Amino acid sequence: MKICMVRDYLAPAKDSMGAERIMEALAKVFMSVGCEVVLKIDPSSVTNLAPVVTDIPKDCDIIHFNQIDCTLDHDQYGIPWVGTCYGGGMEQDPKFLSFVRGNPHIVCVSKFVSDRLGCPTYIWNPSDPDQFVYRDKKDNYFLWIAGTDWGEDKGLFTTIRIAKKLRLNLKIAGTGKNPQIIEIIKSMCNDKITYVGAVNGKEKADLIAGAKALFVLTRLPDACPTVVGESMLSGTPVIASVNGSMPELIEDGLNGYTCKSESDICRAILNISKINPWTCRDIGIEEFNSNFAAETYLQYFENMINFGKLTK
C-alpha cells in the first residue's frame, strides 16, 4: 500500500507539535510493515523518515489527511482518503460541522470528539513507545508540560498557584510564541518551581518519566492531549480536570485522578503515590501505542479503498 500523509508543518516535529509527532510515529510503523509512505509537508523539511513530495502522487492507494480543511475538495485527486480530526474545539464552525457530520472518511481522536461531531470512529492519540522511558521510582517533583501560549486554558496558573500553596516541587516545560507569558511564568518561579523551557527527545522522556504526576488541568474541550499517552508510557499518573476527553482517558485511582475542584486536586496530590506506575505503563502500551494504532489505521485504509467507508 502506498500512503501519502498530508499536514502543513516543518519536520521534524518538536516542542508542542502533538499531531505532527503522531503523524511521524504512524508513518514509521506503516513503513515497518512494508507500506510505502510519502509526506506532503513543508518542502523545506529536513527528515529521513520518508520522501517529501510537493504534490500528491497519482499512484497512491490512500491519502491520509492529518488536518481537516473543510474548504478543500478532498475528492479532487481521485484517490480514496481518510482524515484525522485532531482537534476538539472547532465544532462551533458551521462549515466545519457541515463537512464532518456523517462524513464516512473522518477519524476522531477520542469518543468525546466522536460524539460531539457525529463521527463513527475514533483512535486515541498514540505515541511511539520507543521514544519514552519507563520509571517506577519517581523523583520529587510534579510536571506541567504544554505550549505556554495556552496559559490558563491548560491550567498553567492554577497549577502554579496550587504548587505554591502546597509547597510542591513543580517543573514547567514548554514554550510558545508569546514571550510575555514566558516572562510571567519566570516571575512566578521560586525555590520549588522551575521553568525548564522547551524539551524534546531524551530530555523530554526523562522529564516525564521522573515526575510524580503530570498536571493536565485543562479548561478546554481537549480532544485527546498527546502528553497523556506519553505520560502513561512513562509510568507517570495524571492529575486532570474533568473537561474534554479527560474523564475518558483517566480512570480515577487507576492511572490518575480527575478533579472537579481545588479540594479534589489537593486530594489527588496526597493520594498520587497510591497509583501503580506499572499500571500506567500497561495502559500506555495497550491504549496509546502507535504500533497498535497504526494497525487500526491500516484496516481503516483497507476498508476505505475496498468499501468507501472506514468500517465494513
Protein backbone atom coordinates (compact mmCIF):
# COMPACT_ATOMS: atom_id res chain seq x y z
CA MET A 1 0.00 0.00 0.00
CA LYS A 2 1.27 3.45 -0.91
CA ILE A 3 0.20 6.12 1.58
CA CYS A 4 0.50 9.87 1.20
CA MET A 5 0.37 11.58 4.61
CA VAL A 6 -0.56 15.26 4.50
CA ARG A 7 -0.07 18.04 7.03
CA ASP A 8 1.27 21.57 6.69
CA TYR A 9 4.27 21.69 9.05
CA LEU A 10 8.05 21.80 9.07
CA ALA A 11 9.52 18.41 10.01
CA PRO A 12 10.81 17.02 12.25
CA ALA A 13 8.12 17.59 14.86
CA LYS A 14 9.25 19.22 18.09
CA ASP A 15 8.02 21.13 21.14
CA SER A 16 4.20 21.18 21.28
CA MET A 17 3.64 19.62 17.83
CA GLY A 18 1.46 16.79 19.11
CA ALA A 19 -0.42 15.91 15.92
CA GLU A 20 2.81 16.14 13.95
CA ARG A 21 4.59 13.70 16.27
CA ILE A 22 1.66 11.31 15.93
CA MET A 23 1.82 11.53 12.15
CA GLU A 24 5.55 10.74 12.20
CA ALA A 25 5.06 7.84 14.63
CA LEU A 26 2.36 6.33 12.42
CA ALA A 27 4.46 6.78 9.29
CA LYS A 28 7.31 4.91 10.99
CA VAL A 29 5.05 1.95 11.75
CA PHE A 30 3.44 1.95 8.30
CA MET A 31 6.87 1.63 6.70
CA SER A 32 7.99 -1.04 9.16
CA VAL A 33 5.19 -3.33 7.94
CA GLY A 34 6.03 -2.82 4.27
CA CYS A 35 3.95 0.17 3.24
CA GLU A 36 5.40 2.89 1.03
CA VAL A 37 4.95 6.32 2.61
CA VAL A 38 5.42 9.81 1.20
CA LEU A 39 4.92 13.03 3.14
CA LYS A 40 3.22 16.12 1.74
CA ILE A 41 4.54 18.61 4.28
CA ASP A 42 6.57 21.82 4.19
CA PRO A 43 9.05 21.24 1.34
CA SER A 44 11.79 22.85 3.46
CA SER A 45 11.58 19.97 5.92
CA VAL A 46 14.73 18.00 6.67
CA THR A 47 13.75 14.44 7.54
CA ASN A 48 14.95 10.92 6.83
CA LEU A 49 11.60 9.46 7.80
CA ALA A 50 10.10 9.28 4.30
CA PRO A 51 10.32 11.15 0.97
CA VAL A 52 8.82 14.64 0.99
CA VAL A 53 6.62 15.49 -2.01
CA THR A 54 5.15 18.78 -3.20
CA ASP A 55 2.17 17.13 -4.91
CA ILE A 56 0.14 14.06 -4.01
CA PRO A 57 1.37 11.23 -6.27
CA LYS A 58 -1.28 9.83 -8.56
CA ASP A 59 -0.22 6.24 -7.84
CA CYS A 60 -1.08 6.44 -4.13
CA ASP A 61 -3.57 3.91 -2.80
CA ILE A 62 -4.75 6.16 0.03
CA ILE A 63 -4.32 9.75 1.20
CA HIS A 64 -4.20 10.33 4.95
CA PHE A 65 -5.02 13.95 5.71
CA ASN A 66 -3.65 14.75 9.17
CA GLN A 67 -5.57 18.02 9.34
CA ILE A 68 -9.13 18.79 8.38
CA ASP A 69 -9.58 21.58 5.84
CA CYS A 70 -13.29 21.93 5.14
CA THR A 71 -12.54 24.28 2.22
CA LEU A 72 -10.59 21.58 0.35
CA ASP A 73 -12.11 19.30 -2.26
CA HIS A 74 -10.63 16.06 -0.93
CA ASP A 75 -12.07 14.07 -3.83
CA GLN A 76 -10.26 16.11 -6.48
CA TYR A 77 -7.33 13.66 -6.52
CA GLY A 78 -9.45 10.65 -7.47
CA ILE A 79 -7.81 8.66 -4.65
CA PRO A 80 -9.51 7.19 -1.54
CA TRP A 81 -8.82 9.30 1.53
CA VAL A 82 -9.07 9.31 5.31
CA GLY A 83 -8.89 12.40 7.51
CA THR A 84 -7.94 12.54 11.19
CA CYS A 85 -9.63 15.25 13.24
CA TYR A 86 -7.09 16.00 15.98
CA GLY A 87 -8.89 19.00 17.48
CA GLY A 88 -11.99 19.22 19.60
CA GLY A 89 -12.55 22.97 19.62
CA MET A 90 -13.56 23.61 16.03
CA GLU A 91 -17.04 22.15 16.23
CA GLN A 92 -18.70 25.59 16.56
CA ASP A 93 -17.74 26.48 12.97
CA PRO A 94 -20.85 25.78 10.83
CA LYS A 95 -18.74 24.98 7.75
CA PHE A 96 -16.62 22.54 9.71
CA LEU A 97 -19.70 20.90 11.24
CA SER A 98 -21.34 20.58 7.86
CA PHE A 99 -18.21 18.92 6.48
CA VAL A 100 -17.54 16.39 9.24
CA ARG A 101 -21.00 15.32 10.37
CA GLY A 102 -21.79 11.94 8.91
CA ASN A 103 -18.62 12.06 6.81
CA PRO A 104 -17.52 8.43 6.27
CA HIS A 105 -13.87 9.49 5.90
CA ILE A 106 -13.27 11.11 9.31
CA VAL A 107 -11.43 9.53 12.26
CA CYS A 108 -11.61 11.35 15.61
CA VAL A 109 -9.09 11.03 18.43
CA SER A 110 -11.49 10.34 21.30
CA LYS A 111 -15.05 9.26 21.94
CA PHE A 112 -15.62 12.75 23.35
CA VAL A 113 -14.93 14.31 19.94
CA SER A 114 -16.60 11.49 18.03
CA ASP A 115 -19.83 12.04 19.94
CA ARG A 116 -19.70 15.82 19.57
CA LEU A 117 -19.02 15.74 15.85
CA GLY A 118 -21.21 12.80 14.98
CA CYS A 119 -18.36 10.76 13.50
CA PRO A 120 -18.46 6.96 13.86
CA THR A 121 -14.82 6.12 14.60
CA TYR A 122 -12.02 7.25 16.90
CA ILE A 123 -8.48 6.26 17.89
CA TRP A 124 -6.82 7.81 20.95
CA ASN A 125 -3.75 9.84 20.08
CA PRO A 126 -0.86 7.36 20.12
CA SER A 127 2.86 7.81 20.73
CA ASP A 128 5.96 5.86 19.77
CA PRO A 129 6.83 3.72 22.83
CA ASP A 130 10.48 3.65 21.71
CA GLN A 131 10.68 7.40 22.32
CA PHE A 132 9.79 7.19 26.04
CA VAL A 133 11.29 5.52 29.09
CA TYR A 134 9.55 3.82 31.99
CA ARG A 135 10.49 4.58 35.58
CA ASP A 136 8.75 3.16 38.63
CA LYS A 137 10.89 5.19 41.05
CA LYS A 138 9.88 8.83 40.72
CA ASP A 139 11.77 11.97 41.66
CA ASN A 140 10.30 14.55 44.00
CA TYR A 141 8.61 16.86 41.50
CA PHE A 142 5.36 17.33 39.62
CA LEU A 143 5.20 18.37 35.97
CA TRP A 144 3.21 20.72 33.73
CA ILE A 145 4.10 20.49 30.03
CA ALA A 146 2.30 22.11 27.09
CA GLY A 147 2.55 25.04 24.72
CA THR A 148 2.91 28.04 27.02
CA ASP A 149 0.70 30.21 24.79
CA TRP A 150 -2.28 28.23 26.09
CA GLY A 151 -1.68 29.63 29.58
CA GLU A 152 -4.62 29.17 31.94
CA ASP A 153 -6.59 27.41 29.20
CA LYS A 154 -4.31 24.49 30.03
CA GLY A 155 -4.48 25.19 33.76
CA LEU A 156 -0.98 26.65 33.92
CA PHE A 157 -1.55 29.36 36.51
CA THR A 158 -3.88 27.21 38.60
CA THR A 159 -1.15 24.59 38.69
CA ILE A 160 1.44 27.15 39.79
CA ARG A 161 -0.88 28.59 42.45
CA ILE A 162 -1.62 25.16 43.94
CA ALA A 163 2.07 24.22 43.83
CA LYS A 164 2.89 27.40 45.79
CA LYS A 165 0.09 26.78 48.27
CA LEU A 166 1.22 23.22 48.98
CA ARG A 167 4.95 23.91 48.60
CA LEU A 168 5.28 21.33 45.82
CA ASN A 169 8.31 20.94 43.61
CA LEU A 170 6.99 21.78 40.16
CA LYS A 171 8.71 21.80 36.79
CA ILE A 172 7.10 23.75 33.96
CA ALA A 173 8.09 22.72 30.44
CA GLY A 174 7.15 24.10 27.07
CA THR A 175 7.49 27.20 25.01
CA GLY A 176 5.42 29.41 22.73
CA LYS A 177 5.33 32.47 20.52
CA ASN A 178 4.20 34.88 23.23
CA PRO A 179 7.29 35.98 25.22
CA GLN A 180 5.13 37.86 27.73
CA ILE A 181 3.59 34.64 29.02
CA ILE A 182 7.04 33.10 29.42
CA GLU A 183 8.18 36.15 31.39
CA ILE A 184 5.11 35.82 33.63
CA ILE A 185 5.95 32.16 34.22
CA LYS A 186 9.54 33.02 35.14
CA SER A 187 8.35 35.73 37.53
CA MET A 188 6.19 33.16 39.35
CA CYS A 189 9.01 30.69 39.86
CA ASN A 190 10.68 30.27 43.25
CA ASP A 191 12.95 27.83 45.05
CA LYS A 192 10.50 24.99 44.32
CA ILE A 193 9.02 25.99 40.96
CA THR A 194 11.28 25.87 37.90
CA TYR A 195 10.68 26.81 34.29
CA VAL A 196 12.78 24.47 32.13
CA GLY A 197 11.65 25.76 28.72
CA ALA A 198 11.40 23.67 25.58
CA VAL A 199 12.18 19.97 25.95
CA ASN A 200 12.45 17.35 23.23
CA GLY A 201 13.79 13.85 22.70
CA LYS A 202 15.59 12.16 25.60
CA GLU A 203 15.35 15.25 27.80
CA LYS A 204 11.57 15.25 27.49
CA ALA A 205 11.33 11.49 28.00
CA ASP A 206 13.43 11.65 31.18
CA LEU A 207 11.46 14.63 32.49
CA ILE A 208 8.09 12.88 32.11
CA ALA A 209 9.38 9.56 33.46
CA GLY A 210 10.82 11.17 36.58
CA ALA A 211 7.69 13.12 37.58
CA LYS A 212 5.46 12.01 40.45
CA ALA A 213 2.49 13.12 38.33
CA LEU A 214 1.59 15.22 35.33
CA PHE A 215 -0.91 18.07 35.73
CA VAL A 216 -3.46 18.43 32.91
CA LEU A 217 -5.95 20.85 34.46
CA THR A 218 -7.31 21.91 31.10
CA ARG A 219 -10.27 24.25 30.78
CA LEU A 220 -10.66 23.41 27.09
CA PRO A 221 -12.75 20.77 25.32
CA ASP A 222 -9.46 18.96 24.74
CA ALA A 223 -9.75 16.20 22.17
CA CYS A 224 -7.01 13.89 23.48
CA PRO A 225 -3.84 15.58 24.77
CA THR A 226 -0.87 13.69 23.36
CA VAL A 227 1.06 14.16 26.60
CA VAL A 228 -1.41 11.89 28.41
CA GLY A 229 -0.33 8.89 26.35
CA GLU A 230 3.31 9.92 26.68
CA SER A 231 2.85 10.06 30.44
CA MET A 232 1.24 6.62 30.52
CA LEU A 233 4.11 5.10 28.54
CA SER A 234 6.46 6.62 31.12
CA GLY A 235 4.59 5.14 34.08
CA THR A 236 3.55 8.60 35.26
CA PRO A 237 -0.02 9.19 36.51
CA VAL A 238 -2.09 12.21 35.52
CA ILE A 239 -3.96 14.70 37.69
CA ALA A 240 -6.59 16.10 35.36
CA SER A 241 -9.65 18.28 35.15
CA VAL A 242 -13.00 16.83 34.10
CA ASN A 243 -13.08 18.81 30.85
CA GLY A 244 -12.94 17.45 27.33
CA SER A 245 -11.78 13.88 26.95
CA MET A 246 -10.03 13.69 30.32
CA PRO A 247 -12.66 11.53 32.10
CA GLU A 248 -12.44 9.15 29.15
CA LEU A 249 -8.65 8.87 29.36
CA ILE A 250 -8.16 8.85 33.13
CA GLU A 251 -9.76 6.26 35.41
CA ASP A 252 -9.74 7.50 38.98
CA GLY A 253 -7.38 5.53 41.17
CA LEU A 254 -6.01 3.50 38.27
CA ASN A 255 -3.88 5.83 36.12
CA GLY A 256 -4.55 9.13 37.85
CA TYR A 257 -7.41 11.27 39.12
CA THR A 258 -9.94 13.63 37.55
CA CYS A 259 -10.80 16.69 39.59
CA LYS A 260 -13.84 18.99 39.73
CA SER A 261 -12.50 21.35 42.38
CA GLU A 262 -9.33 22.54 44.06
CA SER A 263 -10.03 20.26 47.01
CA ASP A 264 -10.18 17.35 44.54
CA ILE A 265 -6.79 18.39 43.17
CA CYS A 266 -5.28 18.54 46.66
CA ARG A 267 -6.74 15.12 47.45
CA ALA A 268 -5.29 13.72 44.23
CA ILE A 269 -1.85 15.08 45.10
CA LEU A 270 -2.00 13.47 48.55
CA ASN A 271 -3.05 10.12 47.07
CA ILE A 272 -0.88 10.05 43.94
CA SER A 273 1.57 7.57 45.45
CA LYS A 274 -1.25 5.00 45.51
CA ILE A 275 -1.16 4.83 41.70
CA ASN A 276 0.96 1.94 40.42
CA PRO A 277 3.38 3.22 37.73
CA TRP A 278 3.37 -0.19 36.06
CA THR A 279 -0.41 0.02 35.64
CA CYS A 280 0.08 3.34 33.87
CA ARG A 281 2.70 1.73 31.64
CA ASP A 282 0.36 -1.15 30.80
CA ILE A 283 -2.36 1.31 29.82
CA GLY A 284 0.15 3.20 27.72
CA ILE A 285 1.21 0.08 25.83
CA GLU A 286 -2.34 -1.16 25.33
CA GLU A 287 -4.14 2.10 24.60
CA PHE A 288 -1.64 4.77 23.46
CA ASN A 289 0.79 2.70 21.40
CA SER A 290 1.50 3.88 17.85
CA ASN A 291 2.15 0.28 16.76
CA PHE A 292 -1.37 -0.78 17.68
CA ALA A 293 -2.95 2.45 16.44
CA ALA A 294 -1.26 2.00 13.06
CA GLU A 295 -2.81 -1.46 12.71
CA THR A 296 -6.25 0.07 13.16
CA TYR A 297 -5.49 2.85 10.68
CA LEU A 298 -4.32 0.32 8.10
CA GLN A 299 -7.57 -1.58 8.50
CA TYR A 300 -9.48 1.67 8.03
CA PHE A 301 -7.41 2.40 4.92
CA GLU A 302 -8.22 -1.04 3.50
CA ASN A 303 -11.91 -0.53 4.23
CA MET A 304 -11.90 2.88 2.57
CA ILE A 305 -10.14 1.50 -0.50
CA ASN A 306 -12.44 -1.52 -0.80
CA PHE A 307 -15.77 -0.28 0.57
CA GLY A 308 -15.59 3.52 0.54
CA LYS A 309 -16.01 3.79 4.30
CA LEU A 310 -13.92 3.29 7.44
CA THR A 311 -15.80 0.28 8.80
CA LYS A 312 -17.25 -2.66 6.93
